[in-house]
Amino acid sequence: MASCDKQTFSNITPEQFTCICQQIKSKFGVTLPGDSGQITQSGFTVERDYDSQTQEFKVQCLDSPVFPPCAMINQSIQAVVDGCA
């Protein structure tokens, strides 16, 4: 699968970023160590970067199993971020 579109979220406080990481672990079983990097788990490869100075969080699914489509993956990420806003 080709990579999904990168998502950029602005005005994400350190507390919100902590919430996002906790929700991703709770909902998807994925632990995001640190503020940036790449992680592969269960066939998904995700790259993320959080900058606490600019309060910008960027995330992109680089690879996934054939299903689900990018739209569903990005909607799931958006829902987690919205839930912590």
PDB file of N, CA and C in Angstrom:
ATOM      1  N   MET A   1       0.831  -1.176   0.000  1.00  0.00           N
ATOM      2  CA  MET A   1       0.000   0.000   0.000  1.00  0.00           C
ATOM      3  C   MET A   1       0.879   1.243   0.000  1.00  0.00           C
ATOM      4  N   ALA A   2       0.446   2.260  -0.703  1.00  0.00           N
ATOM      5  CA  ALA A   2       1.149   3.540  -0.684  1.00  0.00           C
ATOM      6  C   ALA A   2       0.847   4.237   0.634  1.00  0.00           C
ATOM      7  N   SER A   3       1.705   5.148   1.015  1.00  0.00           N
ATOM      8  CA  SER A   3       1.500   5.845   2.277  1.00  0.00           C
ATOM      9  C   SER A   3       0.274   6.754   2.199  1.00  0.00           C
ATOM     10  N   CYS A   4      -0.307   6.983   3.356  1.00  0.00           N
ATOM     11  CA  CYS A   4      -1.460   7.886   3.475  1.00  0.00           C
ATOM     12  C   CYS A   4      -0.961   9.326   3.526  1.00  0.00           C
ATOM     13  N   ASP A   5      -1.874  10.262   3.347  1.00  0.00           N
ATOM     14  CA  ASP A   5      -1.527  11.671   3.459  1.00  0.00           C
ATOM     15  C   ASP A   5      -1.076  11.981   4.882  1.00  0.00           C
ATOM     16  N   LYS A   6      -0.079  12.830   5.003  1.00  0.00           N
ATOM     17  CA  LYS A   6       0.380  13.282   6.315  1.00  0.00           C
ATOM     18  C   LYS A   6      -0.670  14.213   6.905  1.00  0.00           C
ATOM     19  N   GLN A   7      -0.917  14.046   8.187  1.00  0.00           N
ATOM     20  CA  GLN A   7      -1.845  14.925   8.892  1.00  0.00           C
ATOM     21  C   GLN A   7      -1.032  15.820   9.824  1.00  0.00           C
ATOM     22  N   THR A   8      -1.384  17.093   9.866  1.00  0.00           N
ATOM     23  CA  THR A   8      -0.730  18.045  10.749  1.00  0.00           C
ATOM     24  C   THR A   8      -1.781  18.675  11.642  1.00  0.00           C
ATOM     25  N   PHE A   9      -1.526  18.609  12.950  1.00  0.00           N
ATOM     26  CA  PHE A   9      -2.444  19.169  13.942  1.00  0.00           C
ATOM     27  C   PHE A   9      -1.714  20.292  14.677  1.00  0.00           C
ATOM     28  N   SER A  10      -2.357  21.439  14.765  1.00  0.00           N
ATOM     29  CA  SER A  10      -1.768  22.612  15.413  1.00  0.00           C
ATOM     30  C   SER A  10      -2.374  22.818  16.797  1.00  0.00           C
ATOM     31  N   ASN A  11      -1.664  23.598  17.601  1.00  0.00           N
ATOM     32  CA  ASN A  11      -2.111  23.960  18.944  1.00  0.00           C
ATOM     33  C   ASN A  11      -2.323  22.734  19.835  1.00  0.00           C
ATOM     34  N   ILE A  12      -1.418  21.767  19.742  1.00  0.00           N
ATOM     35  CA  ILE A  12      -1.469  20.572  20.573  1.00  0.00           C
ATOM     36  C   ILE A  12      -0.518  20.791  21.753  1.00  0.00           C
ATOM     37  N   THR A  13      -1.082  20.980  22.930  1.00  0.00           N
ATOM     38  CA  THR A  13      -0.275  21.201  24.122  1.00  0.00           C
ATOM     39  C   THR A  13       0.417  19.898  24.529  1.00  0.00           C
ATOM     40  N   PRO A  14       1.448  19.991  25.358  1.00  0.00           N
ATOM     41  CA  PRO A  14       2.081  18.763  25.848  1.00  0.00           C
ATOM     42  C   PRO A  14       1.087  17.831  26.554  1.00  0.00           C
ATOM     43  N   GLU A  15       0.129  18.397  27.277  1.00  0.00           N
ATOM     44  CA  GLU A  15      -0.890  17.584  27.942  1.00  0.00           C
ATOM     45  C   GLU A  15      -1.772  16.865  26.928  1.00  0.00           C
ATOM     46  N   GLN A  16      -2.124  17.549  25.860  1.00  0.00           N
ATOM     47  CA  GLN A  16      -2.931  16.925  24.811  1.00  0.00           C
ATOM     48  C   GLN A  16      -2.128  15.830  24.101  1.00  0.00           C
ATOM     49  N   PHE A  17      -0.837  16.065  23.879  1.00  0.00           N
ATOM     50  CA  PHE A  17      -0.008  15.048  23.240  1.00  0.00           C
ATOM     51  C   PHE A  17       0.073  13.803  24.117  1.00  0.00           C
ATOM     52  N   THR A  18       0.197  13.990  25.421  1.00  0.00           N
ATOM     53  CA  THR A  18       0.204  12.855  26.351  1.00  0.00           C
ATOM     54  C   THR A  18      -1.116  12.097  26.255  1.00  0.00           C
ATOM     55  N   CYS A  19      -2.220  12.812  26.203  1.00  0.00           N
ATOM     56  CA  CYS A  19      -3.537  12.199  26.050  1.00  0.00           C
ATOM     57  C   CYS A  19      -3.616  11.408  24.748  1.00  0.00           C
ATOM     58  N   ILE A  20      -3.118  11.979  23.658  1.00  0.00           N
ATOM     59  CA  ILE A  20      -3.131  11.300  22.356  1.00  0.00           C
ATOM     60  C   ILE A  20      -2.363   9.988  22.446  1.00  0.00           C
ATOM     61  N   CYS A  21      -1.186  10.021  23.041  1.00  0.00           N
ATOM     62  CA  CYS A  21      -0.374   8.799  23.183  1.00  0.00           C
ATOM     63  C   CYS A  21      -1.100   7.759  24.026  1.00  0.00           C
ATOM     64  N   GLN A  22      -1.746   8.194  25.105  1.00  0.00           N
ATOM     65  CA  GLN A  22      -2.487   7.267  25.961  1.00  0.00           C
ATOM     66  C   GLN A  22      -3.672   6.655  25.223  1.00  0.00           C
ATOM     67  N   GLN A  23      -4.370   7.461  24.449  1.00  0.00           N
ATOM     68  CA  GLN A  23      -5.521   6.960  23.706  1.00  0.00           C
ATOM     69  C   GLN A  23      -5.107   5.988  22.597  1.00  0.00           C
ATOM     70  N   ILE A  24      -4.000   6.264  21.947  1.00  0.00           N
ATOM     71  CA  ILE A  24      -3.506   5.364  20.904  1.00  0.00           C
ATOM     72  C   ILE A  24      -3.134   4.020  21.518  1.00  0.00           C
ATOM     73  N   LYS A  25      -2.516   4.061  22.698  1.00  0.00           N
ATOM     74  CA  LYS A  25      -2.166   2.814  23.383  1.00  0.00           C
ATOM     75  C   LYS A  25      -3.426   2.060  23.801  1.00  0.00           C
ATOM     76  N   SER A  26      -4.392   2.773  24.339  1.00  0.00           N
ATOM     77  CA  SER A  26      -5.631   2.161  24.820  1.00  0.00           C
ATOM     78  C   SER A  26      -6.469   1.585  23.678  1.00  0.00           C
ATOM     79  N   LYS A  27      -6.630   2.340  22.606  1.00  0.00           N
ATOM     80  CA  LYS A  27      -7.516   1.929  21.508  1.00  0.00           C
ATOM     81  C   LYS A  27      -6.866   0.963  20.524  1.00  0.00           C
ATOM     82  N   PHE A  28      -5.557   1.140  20.291  1.00  0.00           N
ATOM     83  CA  PHE A  28      -4.901   0.372  19.235  1.00  0.00           C
ATOM     84  C   PHE A  28      -3.773  -0.523  19.745  1.00  0.00           C
ATOM     85  N   GLY A  29      -3.445  -0.412  21.027  1.00  0.00           N
ATOM     86  CA  GLY A  29      -2.393  -1.243  21.595  1.00  0.00           C
ATOM     87  C   GLY A  29      -0.994  -0.860  21.142  1.00  0.00           C
ATOM     88  N   VAL A  30      -0.833   0.371  20.700  1.00  0.00           N
ATOM     89  CA  VAL A  30       0.450   0.848  20.182  1.00  0.00           C
ATOM     90  C   VAL A  30       1.031   1.870  21.152  1.00  0.00           C
ATOM     91  N   THR A  31       2.247   1.633  21.588  1.00  0.00           N
ATOM     92  CA  THR A  31       2.952   2.578  22.445  1.00  0.00           C
ATOM     93  C   THR A  31       3.840   3.456  21.586  1.00  0.00           C
ATOM     94  N   LEU A  32       3.696   4.766  21.739  1.00  0.00           N
ATOM     95  CA  LEU A  32       4.512   5.718  20.987  1.00  0.00           C
ATOM     96  C   LEU A  32       5.618   6.238  21.894  1.00  0.00           C
ATOM     97  N   PRO A  33       6.815   5.659  21.777  1.00  0.00           N
ATOM     98  CA  PRO A  33       7.914   6.123  22.625  1.00  0.00           C
ATOM     99  C   PRO A  33       8.470   7.455  22.130  1.00  0.00           C
ATOM    100  N   GLY A  34       8.587   8.402  23.028  1.00  0.00           N
ATOM    101  CA  GLY A  34       9.168   9.694  22.666  1.00  0.00           C
ATOM    102  C   GLY A  34       8.237  10.553  21.841  1.00  0.00           C
ATOM    103  N   ASP A  35       8.774  11.690  21.427  1.00  0.00           N
ATOM    104  CA  ASP A  35       7.986  12.666  20.675  1.00  0.00           C
ATOM    105  C   ASP A  35       8.006  12.448  19.170  1.00  0.00           C
ATOM    106  N   SER A  36       8.987  11.702  18.685  1.00  0.00           N
ATOM    107  CA  SER A  36       9.061  11.511  17.235  1.00  0.00           C
ATOM    108  C   SER A  36       9.696  10.169  16.918  1.00  0.00           C
ATOM    109  N   GLY A  37       9.506   9.770  15.675  1.00  0.00           N
ATOM    110  CA  GLY A  37      10.088   8.523  15.214  1.00  0.00           C
ATOM    111  C   GLY A  37       9.099   7.714  14.406  1.00  0.00           C
ATOM    112  N   GLN A  38       9.494   6.501  14.146  1.00  0.00           N
ATOM    113  CA  GLN A  38       8.704   5.587  13.332  1.00  0.00           C
ATOM    114  C   GLN A  38       8.481   4.307  14.130  1.00  0.00           C
ATOM    115  N   ILE A  39       7.273   3.760  14.034  1.00  0.00           N
ATOM    116  CA  ILE A  39       6.954   2.527  14.735  1.00  0.00           C
ATOM    117  C   ILE A  39       6.184   1.617  13.779  1.00  0.00           C
ATOM    118  N   THR A  40       6.491   0.315  13.861  1.00  0.00           N
ATOM    119  CA  THR A  40       5.777  -0.680  13.075  1.00  0.00           C
ATOM    120  C   THR A  40       5.179  -1.694  14.028  1.00  0.00           C
ATOM    121  N   GLN A  41       3.878  -1.920  13.854  1.00  0.00           N
ATOM    122  CA  GLN A  41       3.180  -2.896  14.687  1.00  0.00           C
ATOM    123  C   GLN A  41       1.939  -3.378  13.948  1.00  0.00           C
ATOM    124  N   SER A  42       1.707  -4.684  13.995  1.00  0.00           N
ATOM    125  CA  SER A  42       0.519  -5.305  13.398  1.00  0.00           C
ATOM    126  C   SER A  42       0.351  -4.944  11.919  1.00  0.00           C
ATOM    127  N   GLY A  43       1.446  -4.799  11.209  1.00  0.00           N
ATOM    128  CA  GLY A  43       1.381  -4.500   9.783  1.00  0.00           C
ATOM    129  C   GLY A  43       1.284  -3.021   9.453  1.00  0.00           C
ATOM    130  N   PHE A  44       1.187  -2.172  10.450  1.00  0.00           N
ATOM    131  CA  PHE A  44       1.104  -0.725  10.240  1.00  0.00           C
ATOM    132  C   PHE A  44       2.454  -0.096  10.564  1.00  0.00           C
ATOM    133  N   THR A  45       2.893   0.822   9.711  1.00  0.00           N
ATOM    134  CA  THR A  45       4.082   1.620   9.987  1.00  0.00           C
ATOM    135  C   THR A  45       3.644   3.074  10.023  1.00  0.00           C
ATOM    136  N   VAL A  46       3.906   3.715  11.152  1.00  0.00           N
ATOM    137  CA  VAL A  46       3.478   5.092  11.355  1.00  0.00           C
ATOM    138  C   VAL A  46       4.686   5.938  11.752  1.00  0.00           C
ATOM    139  N   GLU A  47       4.759   7.106  11.151  1.00  0.00           N
ATOM    140  CA  GLU A  47       5.800   8.067  11.498  1.00  0.00           C
ATOM    141  C   GLU A  47       5.105   9.269  12.125  1.00  0.00           C
ATOM    142  N   ARG A  48       5.682   9.745  13.238  1.00  0.00           N
ATOM    143  CA  ARG A  48       5.083  10.899  13.883  1.00  0.00           C
ATOM    144  C   ARG A  48       6.163  11.812  14.413  1.00  0.00           C
ATOM    145  N   ASP A  49       5.766  13.085  14.595  1.00  0.00           N
ATOM    146  CA  ASP A  49       6.677  14.082  15.129  1.00  0.00           C
ATOM    147  C   ASP A  49       5.847  15.094  15.906  1.00  0.00           C
ATOM    148  N   TYR A  50       6.224  15.289  17.151  1.00  0.00           N
ATOM    149  CA  TYR A  50       5.575  16.308  17.976  1.00  0.00           C
ATOM    150  C   TYR A  50       6.624  17.318  18.396  1.00  0.00           C
ATOM    151  N   ASP A  51       6.339  18.591  18.157  1.00  0.00           N
ATOM    152  CA  ASP A  51       7.224  19.680  18.552  1.00  0.00           C
ATOM    153  C   ASP A  51       6.502  20.507  19.614  1.00  0.00           C
ATOM    154  N   SER A  52       6.947  20.395  20.846  1.00  0.00           N
ATOM    155  CA  SER A  52       6.279  21.105  21.944  1.00  0.00           C
ATOM    156  C   SER A  52       6.461  22.618  21.846  1.00  0.00           C
ATOM    157  N   GLN A  53       7.512  23.069  21.163  1.00  0.00           N
ATOM    158  CA  GLN A  53       7.737  24.516  21.014  1.00  0.00           C
ATOM    159  C   GLN A  53       6.686  25.140  20.091  1.00  0.00           C
ATOM    160  N   THR A  54       6.442  24.502  18.961  1.00  0.00           N
ATOM    161  CA  THR A  54       5.456  25.016  18.000  1.00  0.00           C
ATOM    162  C   THR A  54       4.066  24.449  18.254  1.00  0.00           C
ATOM    163  N   GLN A  55       3.990  23.449  19.140  1.00  0.00           N
ATOM    164  CA  GLN A  55       2.750  22.735  19.461  1.00  0.00           C
ATOM    165  C   GLN A  55       2.111  22.148  18.202  1.00  0.00           C
ATOM    166  N   GLU A  56       2.962  21.551  17.374  1.00  0.00           N
ATOM    167  CA  GLU A  56       2.512  20.936  16.140  1.00  0.00           C
ATOM    168  C   GLU A  56       2.775  19.432  16.183  1.00  0.00           C
ATOM    169  N   PHE A  57       1.765  18.659  15.836  1.00  0.00           N
ATOM    170  CA  PHE A  57       1.854  17.206  15.804  1.00  0.00           C
ATOM    171  C   PHE A  57       1.605  16.749  14.378  1.00  0.00           C
ATOM    172  N   LYS A  58       2.581  16.050  13.815  1.00  0.00           N
ATOM    173  CA  LYS A  58       2.465  15.523  12.451  1.00  0.00           C
ATOM    174  C   LYS A  58       2.486  14.008  12.541  1.00  0.00           C
ATOM    175  N   VAL A  59       1.611  13.363  11.790  1.00  0.00           N
ATOM    176  CA  VAL A  59       1.540  11.907  11.801  1.00  0.00           C
ATOM    177  C   VAL A  59       1.174  11.420  10.402  1.00  0.00           C
ATOM    178  N   GLN A  60       1.801  10.297  10.017  1.00  0.00           N
ATOM    179  CA  GLN A  60       1.541   9.734   8.696  1.00  0.00           C
ATOM    180  C   GLN A  60       1.667   8.227   8.758  1.00  0.00           C
ATOM    181  N   CYS A  61       0.659   7.544   8.241  1.00  0.00           N
ATOM    182  CA  CYS A  61       0.726   6.093   8.091  1.00  0.00           C
ATOM    183  C   CYS A  61       1.486   5.816   6.795  1.00  0.00           C
ATOM    184  N   LEU A  62       2.647   5.172   6.939  1.00  0.00           N
ATOM    185  CA  LEU A  62       3.503   4.913   5.780  1.00  0.00           C
ATOM    186  C   LEU A  62       3.184   3.590   5.096  1.00  0.00           C
ATOM    187  N   ASP A  63       2.648   2.636   5.880  1.00  0.00           N
ATOM    188  CA  ASP A  63       2.336   1.326   5.324  1.00  0.00           C
ATOM    189  C   ASP A  63       1.301   0.656   6.208  1.00  0.00           C
ATOM    190  N   SER A  64       0.414  -0.116   5.597  1.00  0.00           N
ATOM    191  CA  SER A  64      -0.603  -0.836   6.347  1.00  0.00           C
ATOM    192  C   SER A  64      -1.038  -2.054   5.542  1.00  0.00           C
ATOM    193  N   PRO A  65      -1.734  -2.967   6.212  1.00  0.00           N
ATOM    194  CA  PRO A  65      -2.318  -4.074   5.460  1.00  0.00           C
ATOM    195  C   PRO A  65      -3.280  -3.518   4.404  1.00  0.00           C
ATOM    196  N   VAL A  66      -3.702  -4.342   3.475  1.00  0.00           N
ATOM    197  CA  VAL A  66      -4.581  -3.900   2.384  1.00  0.00           C
ATOM    198  C   VAL A  66      -5.828  -3.203   2.931  1.00  0.00           C
ATOM    199  N   PHE A  67      -6.376  -3.727   4.010  1.00  0.00           N
ATOM    200  CA  PHE A  67      -7.532  -3.097   4.641  1.00  0.00           C
ATOM    201  C   PHE A  67      -7.107  -2.631   6.005  1.00  0.00           C
ATOM    202  N   PRO A  68      -7.420  -1.519   6.491  1.00  0.00           N
ATOM    203  CA  PRO A  68      -8.372  -0.522   6.040  1.00  0.00           C
ATOM    204  C   PRO A  68      -7.751   0.508   5.102  1.00  0.00           C
ATOM    205  N   PRO A  69      -8.596   1.231   4.375  1.00  0.00           N
ATOM    206  CA  PRO A  69      -8.091   2.269   3.472  1.00  0.00           C
ATOM    207  C   PRO A  69      -7.577   3.483   4.249  1.00  0.00           C
ATOM    208  N   CYS A  70      -6.792   4.306   3.571  1.00  0.00           N
ATOM    209  CA  CYS A  70      -6.212   5.505   4.200  1.00  0.00           C
ATOM    210  C   CYS A  70      -7.271   6.408   4.818  1.00  0.00           C
ATOM    211  N   ALA A  71      -8.402   6.547   4.164  1.00  0.00           N
ATOM    212  CA  ALA A  71      -9.445   7.424   4.713  1.00  0.00           C
ATOM    213  C   ALA A  71      -9.855   6.962   6.107  1.00  0.00           C
ATOM    214  N   MET A  72      -9.979   5.665   6.295  1.00  0.00           N
ATOM    215  CA  MET A  72     -10.380   5.130   7.595  1.00  0.00           C
ATOM    216  C   MET A  72      -9.259   5.285   8.624  1.00  0.00           C
ATOM    217  N   ILE A  73      -8.032   5.064   8.198  1.00  0.00           N
ATOM    218  CA  ILE A  73      -6.880   5.228   9.093  1.00  0.00           C
ATOM    219  C   ILE A  73      -6.788   6.673   9.564  1.00  0.00           C
ATOM    220  N   ASN A  74      -6.849   7.617   8.628  1.00  0.00           N
ATOM    221  CA  ASN A  74      -6.736   9.030   8.985  1.00  0.00           C
ATOM    222  C   ASN A  74      -7.922   9.499   9.825  1.00  0.00           C
ATOM    223  N   GLN A  75      -9.115   8.965   9.570  1.00  0.00           N
ATOM    224  CA  GLN A  75     -10.272   9.314  10.403  1.00  0.00           C
ATOM    225  C   GLN A  75     -10.072   8.827  11.831  1.00  0.00           C
ATOM    226  N   SER A  76      -9.491   7.653  11.991  1.00  0.00           N
ATOM    227  CA  SER A  76      -9.239   7.118  13.331  1.00  0.00           C
ATOM    228  C   SER A  76      -8.246   7.990  14.083  1.00  0.00           C
ATOM    229  N   ILE A  77      -7.199   8.437  13.399  1.00  0.00           N
ATOM    230  CA  ILE A  77      -6.215   9.331  14.019  1.00  0.00           C
ATOM    231  C   ILE A  77      -6.879  10.663  14.382  1.00  0.00           C
ATOM    232  N   GLN A  78      -7.669  11.198  13.478  1.00  0.00           N
ATOM    233  CA  GLN A  78      -8.374  12.469  13.721  1.00  0.00           C
ATOM    234  C   GLN A  78      -9.290  12.342  14.940  1.00  0.00           C
ATOM    235  N   ALA A  79      -9.989  11.227  15.074  1.00  0.00           N
ATOM    236  CA  ALA A  79     -10.897  11.029  16.209  1.00  0.00           C
ATOM    237  C   ALA A  79     -10.139  11.015  17.531  1.00  0.00           C
ATOM    238  N   VAL A  80      -8.964  10.400  17.544  1.00  0.00           N
ATOM    239  CA  VAL A  80      -8.150  10.370  18.770  1.00  0.00           C
ATOM    240  C   VAL A  80      -7.709  11.783  19.124  1.00  0.00           C
ATOM    241  N   VAL A  81      -7.213  12.530  18.149  1.00  0.00           N
ATOM    242  CA  VAL A  81      -6.758  13.902  18.405  1.00  0.00           C
ATOM    243  C   VAL A  81      -7.934  14.763  18.869  1.00  0.00           C
ATOM    244  N   ASP A  82      -9.065  14.653  18.210  1.00  0.00           N
ATOM    245  CA  ASP A  82     -10.255  15.427  18.612  1.00  0.00           C
ATOM    246  C   ASP A  82     -10.689  15.083  20.028  1.00  0.00           C
ATOM    247  N   GLY A  83     -10.567  13.824  20.414  1.00  0.00           N
ATOM    248  CA  GLY A  83     -10.950  13.391  21.742  1.00  0.00           C
ATOM    249  C   GLY A  83     -10.052  13.938  22.850  1.00  0.00           C
ATOM    250  N   CYS A  84      -8.892  14.411  22.470  1.00  0.00           N
ATOM    251  CA  CYS A  84      -7.948  14.962  23.452  1.00  0.00           C
ATOM    252  C   CYS A  84      -7.869  16.483  23.390  1.00  0.00           C
ATOM    253  N   ALA A  85      -8.615  17.082  22.493  1.00  0.00           N
ATOM    254  CA  ALA A  85      -8.575  18.544  22.325  1.00  0.00           C
ATOM    255  C   ALA A  85      -9.386  19.248  23.387  1.00  0.00           C
TER     256      ALA A  85
END
